[in-house]
């Protein structure tokens, strides 16, 4: 029975560590870029876009499609990096398994 109590304490401690790690992801920042840095997107570890910066030289009224592609590429780059840091941080607890709804 003592082993069971010990195991439950370890599980509870691991759950607390996982919750803390998930909360800390909100404070982690990644940056995605495209067009050699003319479009920059910042996201957090929860895969939320925080900001988008577009340099004036990226804006060509005659080629809006190019700007759209640059923004899309930068957003996807930022989200990929956010996913990577989430996987790194939470992978410590899951052993690399993807658990739906965890992160």
C-alpha atoms as a PDB file:
ATOM      1  CA  UNK A   1       0.000   0.000   0.000  1.00  0.00           C
ATOM      2  CA  UNK A   2       2.899   2.322   0.704  1.00  0.00           C
ATOM      3  CA  UNK A   3       4.071   1.858  -2.888  1.00  0.00           C
ATOM      4  CA  UNK A   4       0.647   2.957  -4.131  1.00  0.00           C
ATOM      5  CA  UNK A   5       0.775   6.142  -2.045  1.00  0.00           C
ATOM      6  CA  UNK A   6       4.272   6.853  -3.341  1.00  0.00           C
ATOM      7  CA  UNK A   7       3.149   6.306  -6.922  1.00  0.00           C
ATOM      8  CA  UNK A   8       0.138   8.610  -6.465  1.00  0.00           C
ATOM      9  CA  UNK A   9       2.409  11.335  -5.096  1.00  0.00           C
ATOM     10  CA  UNK A  10       4.671  10.980  -8.132  1.00  0.00           C
ATOM     11  CA  UNK A  11       1.706  11.161 -10.517  1.00  0.00           C
ATOM     12  CA  UNK A  12       0.403  14.276  -8.778  1.00  0.00           C
ATOM     13  CA  UNK A  13       3.837  15.894  -8.935  1.00  0.00           C
ATOM     14  CA  UNK A  14       4.122  15.084 -12.639  1.00  0.00           C
ATOM     15  CA  UNK A  15       0.669  16.562 -13.311  1.00  0.00           C
ATOM     16  CA  UNK A  16       1.674  19.768 -11.529  1.00  0.00           C
ATOM     17  CA  UNK A  17       4.889  19.945 -13.562  1.00  0.00           C
ATOM     18  CA  UNK A  18       2.945  19.413 -16.801  1.00  0.00           C
ATOM     19  CA  UNK A  19       0.471  22.179 -15.944  1.00  0.00           C
ATOM     20  CA  UNK A  20       3.318  24.536 -15.115  1.00  0.00           C
ATOM     21  CA  UNK A  21       5.089  23.684 -18.385  1.00  0.00           C
ATOM     22  CA  UNK A  22       1.874  24.324 -20.339  1.00  0.00           C
ATOM     23  CA  UNK A  23       1.427  27.694 -18.633  1.00  0.00           C
ATOM     24  CA  UNK A  24       5.034  28.630 -19.364  1.00  0.00           C
ATOM     25  CA  UNK A  25       4.477  28.004 -23.078  1.00  0.00           C
ATOM     26  CA  UNK A  26       2.321  31.143 -23.149  1.00  0.00           C
ATOM     27  CA  UNK A  27       5.417  33.166 -22.244  1.00  0.00           C
ATOM     28  CA  UNK A  28       7.705  31.583 -24.828  1.00  0.00           C
ATOM     29  CA  UNK A  29       8.049  33.516 -28.075  1.00  0.00           C
ATOM     30  CA  UNK A  30       9.041  32.401 -31.554  1.00  0.00           C
ATOM     31  CA  UNK A  31       9.470  34.403 -34.717  1.00  0.00           C
ATOM     32  CA  UNK A  32       8.665  33.373 -38.250  1.00  0.00           C
ATOM     33  CA  UNK A  33       9.903  35.320 -41.244  1.00  0.00           C
ATOM     34  CA  UNK A  34       9.627  35.354 -44.999  1.00  0.00           C
ATOM     35  CA  UNK A  35      10.979  37.342 -47.904  1.00  0.00           C
ATOM     36  CA  UNK A  36      14.343  37.760 -46.240  1.00  0.00           C
ATOM     37  CA  UNK A  37      12.763  39.350 -43.188  1.00  0.00           C
ATOM     38  CA  UNK A  38      10.321  41.746 -44.868  1.00  0.00           C
ATOM     39  CA  UNK A  39       7.467  39.976 -43.075  1.00  0.00           C
ATOM     40  CA  UNK A  40       7.892  38.905 -39.452  1.00  0.00           C
ATOM     41  CA  UNK A  41       5.335  37.083 -37.345  1.00  0.00           C
ATOM     42  CA  UNK A  42       5.633  36.526 -33.601  1.00  0.00           C
ATOM     43  CA  UNK A  43       3.766  33.683 -31.885  1.00  0.00           C
ATOM     44  CA  UNK A  44       3.797  32.135 -28.435  1.00  0.00           C
ATOM     45  CA  UNK A  45       4.144  28.521 -27.395  1.00  0.00           C
ATOM     46  CA  UNK A  46       0.359  28.150 -27.417  1.00  0.00           C
ATOM     47  CA  UNK A  47       0.440  28.812 -31.173  1.00  0.00           C
ATOM     48  CA  UNK A  48      -1.251  32.197 -30.859  1.00  0.00           C
ATOM     49  CA  UNK A  49      -0.128  34.948 -33.222  1.00  0.00           C
ATOM     50  CA  UNK A  50       1.032  37.941 -31.184  1.00  0.00           C
ATOM     51  CA  UNK A  51       2.161  40.340 -33.886  1.00  0.00           C
ATOM     52  CA  UNK A  52       2.777  40.762 -37.599  1.00  0.00           C
ATOM     53  CA  UNK A  53       5.291  43.269 -38.936  1.00  0.00           C
ATOM     54  CA  UNK A  54       5.487  44.143 -42.625  1.00  0.00           C
ATOM     55  CA  UNK A  55       8.297  46.334 -43.958  1.00  0.00           C
ATOM     56  CA  UNK A  56       7.236  48.985 -46.487  1.00  0.00           C
ATOM     57  CA  UNK A  57       9.276  47.413 -49.280  1.00  0.00           C
ATOM     58  CA  UNK A  58       7.007  44.332 -49.086  1.00  0.00           C
ATOM     59  CA  UNK A  59       3.959  46.396 -50.032  1.00  0.00           C
ATOM     60  CA  UNK A  60       3.397  46.597 -53.777  1.00  0.00           C
ATOM     61  CA  UNK A  61      -0.153  47.673 -54.658  1.00  0.00           C
ATOM     62  CA  UNK A  62       0.236  45.943 -58.030  1.00  0.00           C
ATOM     63  CA  UNK A  63       1.166  42.606 -56.437  1.00  0.00           C
ATOM     64  CA  UNK A  64      -1.040  42.038 -53.393  1.00  0.00           C
ATOM     65  CA  UNK A  65      -0.849  38.288 -53.960  1.00  0.00           C
ATOM     66  CA  UNK A  66       2.887  38.297 -53.236  1.00  0.00           C
ATOM     67  CA  UNK A  67       2.315  40.068 -49.904  1.00  0.00           C
ATOM     68  CA  UNK A  68      -0.392  37.570 -49.007  1.00  0.00           C
ATOM     69  CA  UNK A  69       2.007  34.712 -49.762  1.00  0.00           C
ATOM     70  CA  UNK A  70       4.747  36.337 -47.646  1.00  0.00           C
ATOM     71  CA  UNK A  71       2.380  36.745 -44.688  1.00  0.00           C
ATOM     72  CA  UNK A  72       1.115  33.176 -45.025  1.00  0.00           C
ATOM     73  CA  UNK A  73       4.655  31.809 -45.186  1.00  0.00           C
ATOM     74  CA  UNK A  74       5.763  33.804 -42.129  1.00  0.00           C
ATOM     75  CA  UNK A  75       2.694  32.731 -40.130  1.00  0.00           C
ATOM     76  CA  UNK A  76       3.271  29.081 -40.979  1.00  0.00           C
ATOM     77  CA  UNK A  77       6.949  29.425 -40.072  1.00  0.00           C
ATOM     78  CA  UNK A  78       6.060  30.905 -36.663  1.00  0.00           C
ATOM     79  CA  UNK A  79       3.418  28.251 -35.978  1.00  0.00           C
ATOM     80  CA  UNK A  80       5.818  25.455 -36.916  1.00  0.00           C
ATOM     81  CA  UNK A  81       8.387  26.851 -34.483  1.00  0.00           C
ATOM     82  CA  UNK A  82       5.722  27.202 -31.773  1.00  0.00           C
ATOM     83  CA  UNK A  83       4.746  23.568 -32.315  1.00  0.00           C
ATOM     84  CA  UNK A  84       8.393  22.549 -32.011  1.00  0.00           C
ATOM     85  CA  UNK A  85       8.892  24.280 -28.657  1.00  0.00           C
ATOM     86  CA  UNK A  86       5.607  22.854 -27.366  1.00  0.00           C
ATOM     87  CA  UNK A  87       6.706  19.363 -28.418  1.00  0.00           C
ATOM     88  CA  UNK A  88      10.108  19.855 -26.779  1.00  0.00           C
ATOM     89  CA  UNK A  89       8.693  21.131 -23.509  1.00  0.00           C
ATOM     90  CA  UNK A  90       5.803  18.705 -23.208  1.00  0.00           C
ATOM     91  CA  UNK A  91       7.702  15.780 -24.714  1.00  0.00           C
ATOM     92  CA  UNK A  92       9.619  15.532 -21.439  1.00  0.00           C
ATOM     93  CA  UNK A  93       6.407  14.299 -19.868  1.00  0.00           C
ATOM     94  CA  UNK A  94       4.887  12.300 -22.690  1.00  0.00           C
ATOM     95  CA  UNK A  95       7.986  10.532 -23.950  1.00  0.00           C
ATOM     96  CA  UNK A  96       7.271  11.868 -27.431  1.00  0.00           C
ATOM     97  CA  UNK A  97       3.732  10.502 -27.589  1.00  0.00           C
ATOM     98  CA  UNK A  98       1.154  12.892 -28.980  1.00  0.00           C
ATOM     99  CA  UNK A  99      -1.719  13.064 -26.521  1.00  0.00           C
ATOM    100  CA  UNK A 100      -4.765  14.824 -28.003  1.00  0.00           C
ATOM    101  CA  UNK A 101      -5.818  17.920 -26.096  1.00  0.00           C
ATOM    102  CA  UNK A 102      -2.650  18.046 -24.002  1.00  0.00           C
ATOM    103  CA  UNK A 103      -0.925  20.732 -26.042  1.00  0.00           C
END
